[in-house]
């Protein structure tokens, strides 16, 4: 990084992205930040009965770990500079997409 790089830097202000989670609106910075990981994870977790699994039970930890694994995989695949690549944010944050991703989680493995 050079002095010229710093001098030519242009700050941008991006519109935040959000999802609804159990009645709360959660906001994050859009890609190329990783805030979308949190939003995808919350959408997947919303369809689970975490309380019924028992806090810190094997099933609870397994479902959270698998949800985060899926969320980070999606972020790794889709997260990029939105001025260069179209990121399908509305699709990634849809409840339908979350249901499909949730279906990948198996409690027997």
C-alpha atoms as a PDB file:
ATOM      1  CA  UNK A   1       0.000   0.000   0.000  1.00  0.00           C
ATOM      2  CA  UNK A   2       1.397   3.347  -0.998  1.00  0.00           C
ATOM      3  CA  UNK A   3       0.723   6.949  -0.035  1.00  0.00           C
ATOM      4  CA  UNK A   4      -0.899   7.361  -3.459  1.00  0.00           C
ATOM      5  CA  UNK A   5      -3.233   4.445  -2.732  1.00  0.00           C
ATOM      6  CA  UNK A   6      -4.375   6.134   0.449  1.00  0.00           C
ATOM      7  CA  UNK A   7      -4.729   9.526  -1.244  1.00  0.00           C
ATOM      8  CA  UNK A   8      -6.913   8.071  -4.012  1.00  0.00           C
ATOM      9  CA  UNK A   9      -9.165   6.063  -1.686  1.00  0.00           C
ATOM     10  CA  UNK A  10     -12.880   6.820  -2.040  1.00  0.00           C
ATOM     11  CA  UNK A  11     -15.101   5.964   0.916  1.00  0.00           C
ATOM     12  CA  UNK A  12     -18.522   4.587   0.062  1.00  0.00           C
ATOM     13  CA  UNK A  13     -21.592   4.335   2.246  1.00  0.00           C
ATOM     14  CA  UNK A  14     -23.609   1.221   1.507  1.00  0.00           C
ATOM     15  CA  UNK A  15     -27.235   0.561   2.384  1.00  0.00           C
ATOM     16  CA  UNK A  16     -27.447  -1.968   5.201  1.00  0.00           C
ATOM     17  CA  UNK A  17     -29.168  -5.312   4.668  1.00  0.00           C
ATOM     18  CA  UNK A  18     -31.501  -6.956   7.155  1.00  0.00           C
ATOM     19  CA  UNK A  19     -33.685  -9.886   8.055  1.00  0.00           C
ATOM     20  CA  UNK A  20     -36.472 -10.481  10.540  1.00  0.00           C
ATOM     21  CA  UNK A  21     -35.677 -12.940  13.314  1.00  0.00           C
ATOM     22  CA  UNK A  22     -38.491 -13.835  15.707  1.00  0.00           C
ATOM     23  CA  UNK A  23     -39.972 -10.340  15.580  1.00  0.00           C
ATOM     24  CA  UNK A  24     -36.666  -8.457  15.599  1.00  0.00           C
ATOM     25  CA  UNK A  25     -35.151  -6.697  12.608  1.00  0.00           C
ATOM     26  CA  UNK A  26     -31.416  -7.438  12.465  1.00  0.00           C
ATOM     27  CA  UNK A  27     -29.216  -5.176  10.315  1.00  0.00           C
ATOM     28  CA  UNK A  28     -25.771  -5.854   8.871  1.00  0.00           C
ATOM     29  CA  UNK A  29     -23.306  -4.353   6.428  1.00  0.00           C
ATOM     30  CA  UNK A  30     -23.802  -5.804   2.930  1.00  0.00           C
ATOM     31  CA  UNK A  31     -21.204  -7.807   1.055  1.00  0.00           C
ATOM     32  CA  UNK A  32     -18.306  -7.513   0.665  1.00  0.00           C
ATOM     33  CA  UNK A  33     -18.581  -7.611   4.460  1.00  0.00           C
ATOM     34  CA  UNK A  34     -19.431 -10.869   6.187  1.00  0.00           C
ATOM     35  CA  UNK A  35     -22.515  -9.589   7.997  1.00  0.00           C
ATOM     36  CA  UNK A  36     -24.659 -11.577   5.603  1.00  0.00           C
ATOM     37  CA  UNK A  37     -23.336 -14.720   7.334  1.00  0.00           C
ATOM     38  CA  UNK A  38     -25.182 -13.732  10.508  1.00  0.00           C
ATOM     39  CA  UNK A  39     -28.395 -12.986   8.638  1.00  0.00           C
ATOM     40  CA  UNK A  40     -28.353 -16.283   6.737  1.00  0.00           C
ATOM     41  CA  UNK A  41     -27.671 -18.149   9.989  1.00  0.00           C
ATOM     42  CA  UNK A  42     -30.517 -16.414  11.811  1.00  0.00           C
ATOM     43  CA  UNK A  43     -32.921 -17.298   8.997  1.00  0.00           C
ATOM     44  CA  UNK A  44     -31.892 -20.956   9.187  1.00  0.00           C
ATOM     45  CA  UNK A  45     -32.050 -21.056  12.998  1.00  0.00           C
ATOM     46  CA  UNK A  46     -35.461 -19.375  13.073  1.00  0.00           C
ATOM     47  CA  UNK A  47     -37.060 -22.585  11.826  1.00  0.00           C
ATOM     48  CA  UNK A  48     -35.576 -24.676  14.637  1.00  0.00           C
ATOM     49  CA  UNK A  49     -36.796 -25.269  18.161  1.00  0.00           C
ATOM     50  CA  UNK A  50     -33.513 -24.447  19.885  1.00  0.00           C
ATOM     51  CA  UNK A  51     -35.177 -24.146  23.280  1.00  0.00           C
ATOM     52  CA  UNK A  52     -36.696 -27.604  22.892  1.00  0.00           C
ATOM     53  CA  UNK A  53     -33.274 -29.069  22.096  1.00  0.00           C
ATOM     54  CA  UNK A  54     -31.955 -27.956  25.468  1.00  0.00           C
ATOM     55  CA  UNK A  55     -29.250 -25.337  25.842  1.00  0.00           C
ATOM     56  CA  UNK A  56     -25.806 -26.755  25.028  1.00  0.00           C
ATOM     57  CA  UNK A  57     -27.138 -30.250  24.367  1.00  0.00           C
ATOM     58  CA  UNK A  58     -25.396 -32.232  21.625  1.00  0.00           C
ATOM     59  CA  UNK A  59     -28.362 -31.609  19.287  1.00  0.00           C
ATOM     60  CA  UNK A  60     -28.343 -27.861  20.039  1.00  0.00           C
ATOM     61  CA  UNK A  61     -24.610 -27.470  19.430  1.00  0.00           C
ATOM     62  CA  UNK A  62     -24.760 -29.669  16.332  1.00  0.00           C
ATOM     63  CA  UNK A  63     -27.553 -27.585  14.775  1.00  0.00           C
ATOM     64  CA  UNK A  64     -25.820 -24.286  15.507  1.00  0.00           C
ATOM     65  CA  UNK A  65     -22.484 -25.578  14.185  1.00  0.00           C
ATOM     66  CA  UNK A  66     -24.076 -26.934  11.002  1.00  0.00           C
ATOM     67  CA  UNK A  67     -26.017 -23.691  10.512  1.00  0.00           C
ATOM     68  CA  UNK A  68     -22.827 -21.651  10.799  1.00  0.00           C
ATOM     69  CA  UNK A  69     -21.003 -24.030   8.450  1.00  0.00           C
ATOM     70  CA  UNK A  70     -23.713 -23.548   5.811  1.00  0.00           C
ATOM     71  CA  UNK A  71     -23.836 -19.788   6.364  1.00  0.00           C
ATOM     72  CA  UNK A  72     -20.077 -19.384   6.013  1.00  0.00           C
ATOM     73  CA  UNK A  73     -20.086 -21.600   2.904  1.00  0.00           C
ATOM     74  CA  UNK A  74     -22.705 -19.348   1.304  1.00  0.00           C
ATOM     75  CA  UNK A  75     -20.744 -16.256   2.274  1.00  0.00           C
ATOM     76  CA  UNK A  76     -17.523 -17.699   0.878  1.00  0.00           C
ATOM     77  CA  UNK A  77     -19.264 -18.501  -2.393  1.00  0.00           C
ATOM     78  CA  UNK A  78     -21.291 -15.291  -2.827  1.00  0.00           C
ATOM     79  CA  UNK A  79     -19.525 -12.550  -0.868  1.00  0.00           C
ATOM     80  CA  UNK A  80     -17.711 -10.145  -3.179  1.00  0.00           C
ATOM     81  CA  UNK A  81     -17.405  -6.524  -4.204  1.00  0.00           C
ATOM     82  CA  UNK A  82     -20.949  -5.630  -5.251  1.00  0.00           C
ATOM     83  CA  UNK A  83     -19.647  -2.947  -7.597  1.00  0.00           C
ATOM     84  CA  UNK A  84     -18.037  -5.761  -9.601  1.00  0.00           C
ATOM     85  CA  UNK A  85     -20.347  -8.760  -9.109  1.00  0.00           C
ATOM     86  CA  UNK A  86     -24.081  -9.109  -8.627  1.00  0.00           C
ATOM     87  CA  UNK A  87     -24.722 -10.722  -5.239  1.00  0.00           C
ATOM     88  CA  UNK A  88     -28.234 -12.255  -4.947  1.00  0.00           C
ATOM     89  CA  UNK A  89     -28.909 -10.760  -1.500  1.00  0.00           C
ATOM     90  CA  UNK A  90     -32.699 -11.022  -1.603  1.00  0.00           C
ATOM     91  CA  UNK A  91     -32.462 -14.704  -2.570  1.00  0.00           C
ATOM     92  CA  UNK A  92     -29.861 -15.460   0.111  1.00  0.00           C
ATOM     93  CA  UNK A  93     -31.977 -13.751   2.769  1.00  0.00           C
ATOM     94  CA  UNK A  94     -35.303 -15.271   1.759  1.00  0.00           C
ATOM     95  CA  UNK A  95     -37.087 -17.547   4.195  1.00  0.00           C
ATOM     96  CA  UNK A  96     -37.537 -20.090   1.366  1.00  0.00           C
ATOM     97  CA  UNK A  97     -33.775 -20.261   0.820  1.00  0.00           C
ATOM     98  CA  UNK A  98     -33.256 -20.687   4.583  1.00  0.00           C
ATOM     99  CA  UNK A  99     -35.713 -23.604   4.613  1.00  0.00           C
ATOM    100  CA  UNK A 100     -33.792 -25.332   1.798  1.00  0.00           C
ATOM    101  CA  UNK A 101     -30.489 -24.804   3.567  1.00  0.00           C
ATOM    102  CA  UNK A 102     -31.985 -25.985   6.877  1.00  0.00           C
ATOM    103  CA  UNK A 103     -32.984 -29.210   5.115  1.00  0.00           C
ATOM    104  CA  UNK A 104     -29.310 -30.032   4.650  1.00  0.00           C
ATOM    105  CA  UNK A 105     -28.802 -30.394   8.402  1.00  0.00           C
ATOM    106  CA  UNK A 106     -29.094 -33.985   9.576  1.00  0.00           C
ATOM    107  CA  UNK A 107     -29.155 -34.819  13.267  1.00  0.00           C
ATOM    108  CA  UNK A 108     -28.007 -38.405  12.715  1.00  0.00           C
ATOM    109  CA  UNK A 109     -24.568 -37.439  11.409  1.00  0.00           C
END
